[in-house]
Protein backbone atom coordinates (compact mmCIF):
# COMPACT_ATOMS: atom_id res chain seq x y z
CA UNK A 1 0.00 0.00 0.00
CA UNK A 2 1.21 3.50 -0.87
CA UNK A 3 0.33 6.17 1.70
CA UNK A 4 -0.35 9.76 0.70
CA UNK A 5 -0.90 12.61 3.22
CA UNK A 6 -3.38 15.34 2.28
CA UNK A 7 -3.61 18.77 3.86
CA UNK A 8 -6.87 20.58 3.16
CA UNK A 9 -7.04 24.34 3.57
CA UNK A 10 -9.97 26.34 5.02
CA UNK A 11 -12.96 26.34 2.70
CA UNK A 12 -12.10 23.03 1.04
CA UNK A 13 -14.92 20.57 0.40
CA UNK A 14 -13.98 17.37 2.22
CA UNK A 15 -15.73 14.91 -0.06
CA UNK A 16 -14.88 16.63 -3.34
CA UNK A 17 -11.21 16.84 -2.30
CA UNK A 18 -11.02 13.07 -1.80
CA UNK A 19 -12.88 12.45 -5.06
CA UNK A 20 -10.31 14.62 -6.82
CA UNK A 21 -7.43 12.59 -5.35
CA UNK A 22 -8.86 9.38 -6.80
CA UNK A 23 -9.21 10.93 -10.23
CA UNK A 24 -5.87 12.74 -10.21
CA UNK A 25 -3.90 9.71 -9.04
CA UNK A 26 -6.04 7.31 -11.09
CA UNK A 27 -6.02 4.98 -8.12
CA UNK A 28 -8.27 3.32 -5.57
CA UNK A 29 -7.79 2.97 -1.86
CA UNK A 30 -8.94 3.76 1.66
CA UNK A 31 -9.01 6.63 4.11
CA UNK A 32 -6.61 5.64 6.89
CA UNK A 33 -6.95 8.57 9.28
CA UNK A 34 -8.06 12.18 9.68
CA UNK A 35 -7.63 15.14 12.03
CA UNK A 36 -9.38 18.46 11.55
CA UNK A 37 -12.52 20.53 11.94
CA UNK A 38 -15.40 21.72 9.83
CA UNK A 39 -17.53 24.84 9.53
CA UNK A 40 -20.30 22.88 7.80
CA UNK A 41 -21.09 19.18 7.62
CA UNK A 42 -23.52 17.48 5.25
CA UNK A 43 -24.23 13.79 5.77
CA UNK A 44 -26.97 11.27 5.09
CA UNK A 45 -28.52 9.81 8.24
CA UNK A 46 -30.23 6.38 8.26
CA UNK A 47 -33.90 6.62 7.39
CA UNK A 48 -33.72 10.24 6.19
CA UNK A 49 -34.62 11.24 2.64
CA UNK A 50 -32.55 14.44 2.64
CA UNK A 51 -29.02 14.98 4.01
CA UNK A 52 -28.59 16.45 7.49
CA UNK A 53 -26.64 19.72 7.54
CA UNK A 54 -24.87 21.16 10.61
CA UNK A 55 -22.96 24.43 10.89
CA UNK A 56 -20.58 25.72 13.56
CA UNK A 57 -17.27 24.60 15.01
CA UNK A 58 -17.44 20.88 14.29
CA UNK A 59 -14.67 18.45 15.18
CA UNK A 60 -14.06 15.46 12.91
CA UNK A 61 -13.94 12.20 14.89
CA UNK A 62 -13.64 9.60 12.14
CA UNK A 63 -13.71 9.34 8.37
CA UNK A 64 -13.82 5.84 6.92
CA UNK A 65 -14.41 4.40 3.50
CA UNK A 66 -13.08 3.90 0.00
CA UNK A 67 -12.33 6.02 -3.05
CA UNK A 68 -11.58 5.38 -6.71
CA UNK A 69 -11.46 7.36 -9.97
CA UNK A 70 -15.21 6.74 -10.29
CA UNK A 71 -16.25 8.05 -6.89
CA UNK A 72 -16.21 7.58 -3.13
CA UNK A 73 -18.12 5.79 -0.39
CA UNK A 74 -17.28 7.53 2.88
CA UNK A 75 -18.73 7.58 6.40
CA UNK A 76 -18.16 10.63 8.62
CA UNK A 77 -18.61 11.07 12.36
CA UNK A 78 -18.20 14.39 14.12
CA UNK A 79 -18.85 16.26 17.35
CA UNK A 80 -20.64 19.60 17.74
CA UNK A 81 -20.03 22.29 20.37
CA UNK A 82 -22.17 20.39 22.89
CA UNK A 83 -20.10 17.23 22.40
CA UNK A 84 -23.03 15.54 20.69
CA UNK A 85 -21.86 13.01 18.12
CA UNK A 86 -23.36 12.87 14.65
CA UNK A 87 -22.59 10.70 11.65
CA UNK A 88 -23.63 9.27 8.33
CA UNK A 89 -22.67 9.05 4.65
CA UNK A 90 -20.42 12.00 3.76
CA UNK A 91 -22.05 14.40 1.29
CA UNK A 92 -20.74 17.28 -0.83
CA UNK A 93 -20.97 20.62 0.97
CA UNK A 94 -18.90 19.48 3.97
CA UNK A 95 -16.51 22.41 4.41
CA UNK A 96 -13.17 22.53 6.25
CA UNK A 97 -12.97 25.23 8.95
CA UNK A 98 -9.31 25.78 9.94
CA UNK A 99 -7.76 22.77 8.24
CA UNK A 100 -7.84 19.02 7.90
CA UNK A 101 -5.06 16.47 7.56
CA UNK A 102 -6.00 13.18 5.94
CA UNK A 103 -3.94 10.07 5.29
CA UNK A 104 -5.09 7.92 2.39
CA UNK A 105 -3.69 4.61 1.25
CA UNK A 106 -3.59 3.41 -2.35
CA UNK A 107 -4.00 -0.31 -2.83
CA UNK A 108 -1.61 -2.39 -4.89
CA UNK A 109 -4.63 -4.33 -6.19
CA UNK A 110 -6.19 -3.59 -9.59
CA UNK A 111 -8.65 -0.71 -9.66
CA UNK A 112 -11.69 -2.96 -9.89
CA UNK A 113 -10.74 -4.76 -6.66
CA UNK A 114 -10.91 -1.80 -4.26
CA UNK A 115 -13.95 0.40 -3.77
CA UNK A 116 -15.30 -0.94 -7.06
CA UNK A 117 -16.07 -4.50 -5.99
CA UNK A 118 -13.93 -7.43 -7.05
CA UNK A 119 -15.50 -9.25 -9.95
CA UNK A 120 -16.86 -12.58 -8.80
CA UNK A 121 -16.64 -15.15 -11.59
CA UNK A 122 -19.58 -16.99 -10.05
CA UNK A 123 -21.86 -14.01 -10.79
CA UNK A 124 -23.32 -13.94 -14.26
CA UNK A 125 -23.81 -10.73 -16.17
CA UNK A 126 -27.06 -9.02 -15.20
CA UNK A 127 -29.88 -8.85 -17.67
CA UNK A 128 -31.90 -6.53 -15.43
CA UNK A 129 -31.78 -4.90 -12.01
CA UNK A 130 -35.18 -3.66 -10.88
CA UNK A 131 -36.20 -1.86 -7.71
CA UNK A 132 -39.80 -1.32 -6.68
CA UNK A 133 -40.15 1.80 -4.53
CA UNK A 134 -42.92 3.50 -2.61
CA UNK A 135 -43.07 7.32 -2.79
CA UNK A 136 -42.14 8.87 0.55
CA UNK A 137 -40.59 5.65 1.87
CA UNK A 138 -37.18 6.50 3.44
CA UNK A 139 -35.80 2.99 2.87
CA UNK A 140 -36.72 3.19 -0.81
CA UNK A 141 -34.93 6.54 -1.03
CA UNK A 142 -31.83 5.11 0.67
CA UNK A 143 -31.76 2.11 -1.65
CA UNK A 144 -32.00 4.34 -4.73
CA UNK A 145 -29.25 6.53 -3.35
CA UNK A 146 -26.97 3.53 -2.80
CA UNK A 147 -27.49 2.28 -6.36
CA UNK A 148 -26.87 5.76 -7.78
CA UNK A 149 -23.73 6.29 -5.69
CA UNK A 150 -22.31 2.91 -6.71
CA UNK A 151 -23.29 3.55 -10.33
CA UNK A 152 -25.29 0.33 -10.61
CA UNK A 153 -27.73 0.53 -13.56
CA UNK A 154 -31.29 -0.12 -12.50
CA UNK A 155 -34.94 0.24 -13.50
CA UNK A 156 -37.34 1.89 -11.06
CA UNK A 157 -40.85 0.51 -10.55
CA UNK A 158 -42.87 3.27 -8.89
CA UNK A 159 -45.67 1.88 -6.72
CA UNK A 160 -47.96 4.89 -6.63
CA UNK A 161 -51.49 3.48 -6.80
CA UNK A 162 -53.54 0.47 -5.73
CA UNK A 163 -53.17 -1.27 -9.08
CA UNK A 164 -49.37 -1.15 -9.11
CA UNK A 165 -49.31 -2.20 -5.43
CA UNK A 166 -51.43 -5.27 -6.10
CA UNK A 167 -49.33 -6.19 -9.15
CA UNK A 168 -46.02 -6.02 -7.29
CA UNK A 169 -47.46 -7.82 -4.27
CA UNK A 170 -48.63 -10.63 -6.54
CA UNK A 171 -45.15 -10.82 -8.06
CA UNK A 172 -43.18 -10.77 -4.79
CA UNK A 173 -45.70 -11.75 -2.10
CA UNK A 174 -44.32 -8.78 -0.09
CA UNK A 175 -46.00 -5.58 1.05
CA UNK A 176 -42.85 -3.80 2.27
CA UNK A 177 -40.50 -1.62 0.24
CA UNK A 178 -38.12 -1.39 -1.45
CA UNK A 179 -38.20 -4.69 -3.34
CA UNK A 180 -35.15 -5.72 -5.33
CA UNK A 181 -35.29 -7.99 -8.39
CA UNK A 182 -32.22 -9.31 -10.19
CA UNK A 183 -32.84 -10.95 -13.55
CA UNK A 184 -36.51 -11.04 -12.59
CA UNK A 185 -35.87 -12.90 -9.33
CA UNK A 186 -36.76 -11.31 -5.99
CA UNK A 187 -33.73 -11.05 -3.70
CA UNK A 188 -35.42 -9.11 -0.90
CA UNK A 189 -35.54 -5.55 0.36
CA UNK A 190 -33.16 -2.93 1.73
CA UNK A 191 -31.40 -5.41 4.04
CA UNK A 192 -30.68 -7.73 1.13
CA UNK A 193 -29.31 -4.82 -0.87
CA UNK A 194 -26.97 -3.72 1.93
CA UNK A 195 -25.77 -7.31 2.34
CA UNK A 196 -24.88 -7.42 -1.36
CA UNK A 197 -22.95 -4.18 -0.87
CA UNK A 198 -21.22 -5.47 2.27
CA UNK A 199 -20.08 -8.62 0.45
CA UNK A 200 -18.75 -6.60 -2.48
CA UNK A 201 -21.12 -8.24 -4.96
CA UNK A 202 -23.34 -5.23 -5.58
CA UNK A 203 -20.54 -3.21 -7.15
CA UNK A 204 -19.71 -6.11 -9.47
CA UNK A 205 -23.09 -5.64 -11.13
CA UNK A 206 -21.96 -2.37 -12.76
């Protein structure tokens, strides 16, 4: 692994700076450590449709995740002035206050093995990736966000009336959302999707 220290100046966007490193170096890797503070933090909390935004003197506690030339998947935790801890998926618009020092590590593995998902030869090429979502459902919104962030191509089935609800229920025998179908076969809901991501198989569907 090749380590690279980064020093971000006041006003820098934390997420966009790390994205730029992946593109500039044409490499993939991990965030190894961070010290610094923020004037503004934007992050996606579990179950929320829109990112949470905090402003003030915010201390970075942890920053974990992966980056590549195609994007990042980063988790941020931080403390506010009352020592309350917040955290979630790092979003653009997270601004450095006085400075931030970050250590990233570039993997010696091929680009498609880090942050992109190692290709599993046991997985056949997808013919279709469908997701049935319910308007206003936070778990549906999170699932769509995950697929978009990981650049997995998908088809959305909007369940917005009684007819579409009955049709999808007949197909899956489920009444909860989201519902994920791969090559026409139901694999489950949001938990099944996150498990695919955790195992590295979801990214291999790109």
